[in-house]
Protein backbone atom coordinates (compact mmCIF):
# COMPACT_ATOMS: atom_id res chain seq x y z
CA MET A 1 7.44 11.44 -69.03
CA ARG A 2 8.10 14.09 -66.23
CA GLU A 3 6.72 11.46 -63.42
CA GLY A 4 9.45 8.90 -64.44
CA HIS A 5 11.71 11.76 -63.92
CA LYS A 6 10.32 12.52 -60.64
CA CYS A 7 10.25 9.28 -59.64
CA SER A 8 13.94 8.80 -60.91
CA LYS A 9 14.97 11.69 -59.32
CA ARG A 10 13.67 10.59 -55.80
CA LYS A 11 15.63 7.54 -55.66
CA ILE A 12 16.45 6.22 -51.83
CA ASN A 13 19.39 5.95 -50.73
CA PRO A 14 21.01 2.87 -49.63
CA THR A 15 23.91 4.31 -47.06
CA ARG A 16 20.99 6.64 -45.28
CA PHE A 17 18.24 4.26 -45.70
CA ARG A 18 20.80 1.96 -43.88
CA LYS A 19 21.53 4.22 -41.03
CA GLN A 20 17.80 4.94 -40.39
CA ILE A 21 17.90 0.48 -39.69
CA VAL A 22 20.76 1.01 -37.78
CA TRP A 23 19.16 3.47 -35.62
CA ASN A 24 15.66 1.86 -35.45
CA GLN A 25 17.37 -1.29 -33.73
CA ASN A 26 19.57 0.67 -31.60
CA ILE A 27 16.00 2.09 -30.48
CA ASN A 28 14.47 -1.08 -30.16
CA LYS A 29 17.53 -2.69 -28.00
CA VAL A 30 16.91 0.43 -25.76
CA GLY A 31 13.43 0.03 -25.44
CA ILE A 32 13.66 -3.90 -24.50
CA PHE A 33 16.70 -3.22 -22.44
CA PHE A 34 14.34 -0.31 -20.51
CA TYR A 35 11.07 -2.39 -20.47
CA LEU A 36 13.06 -5.32 -18.64
CA ASN A 37 14.25 -3.01 -16.52
CA LEU A 38 11.03 -1.57 -15.43
CA TRP A 39 9.32 -5.07 -15.64
CA GLY A 40 12.35 -5.87 -12.73
CA PHE A 41 12.10 -2.89 -10.62
CA LEU A 42 8.32 -3.12 -10.21
CA TRP A 43 8.70 -7.13 -9.34
CA CYS A 44 11.40 -6.39 -7.09
CA GLY A 45 8.62 -3.38 -5.88
CA ALA A 46 6.01 -5.88 -5.68
CA GLY A 47 8.70 -7.96 -3.40
CA LEU A 48 9.65 -5.73 -0.79
CA MET A 49 6.12 -4.57 -0.49
CA ARG A 50 4.77 -7.86 0.28
CA LEU A 51 7.52 -8.22 2.63
CA VAL A 52 6.92 -4.92 4.12
CA PHE A 53 3.69 -6.28 4.77
CA GLU A 54 4.40 -9.70 5.80
CA ILE A 55 6.56 -7.64 8.62
CA PHE A 56 3.82 -4.87 9.56
CA ASP A 57 1.33 -8.18 10.15
CA ARG A 58 3.69 -10.21 12.20
CA VAL A 59 3.96 -6.77 14.54
CA LEU A 60 0.40 -5.50 14.66
CA GLU A 61 -0.28 -9.54 15.56
CA LYS A 62 2.33 -9.01 18.33
């Protein structure tokens, strides 16, 4: 009997639960955005490094 009372007392608050879900979705959006930015940065960095190395190669060849 006491267990049942405890369970009914610990009912999930739907509004709070919904807020938590929204917050999690926002974190996911930010995470994906950050991840894409990081990938873009690495990609651009690799491209720049290759460009620099090519220029160095041409300079050293002369």
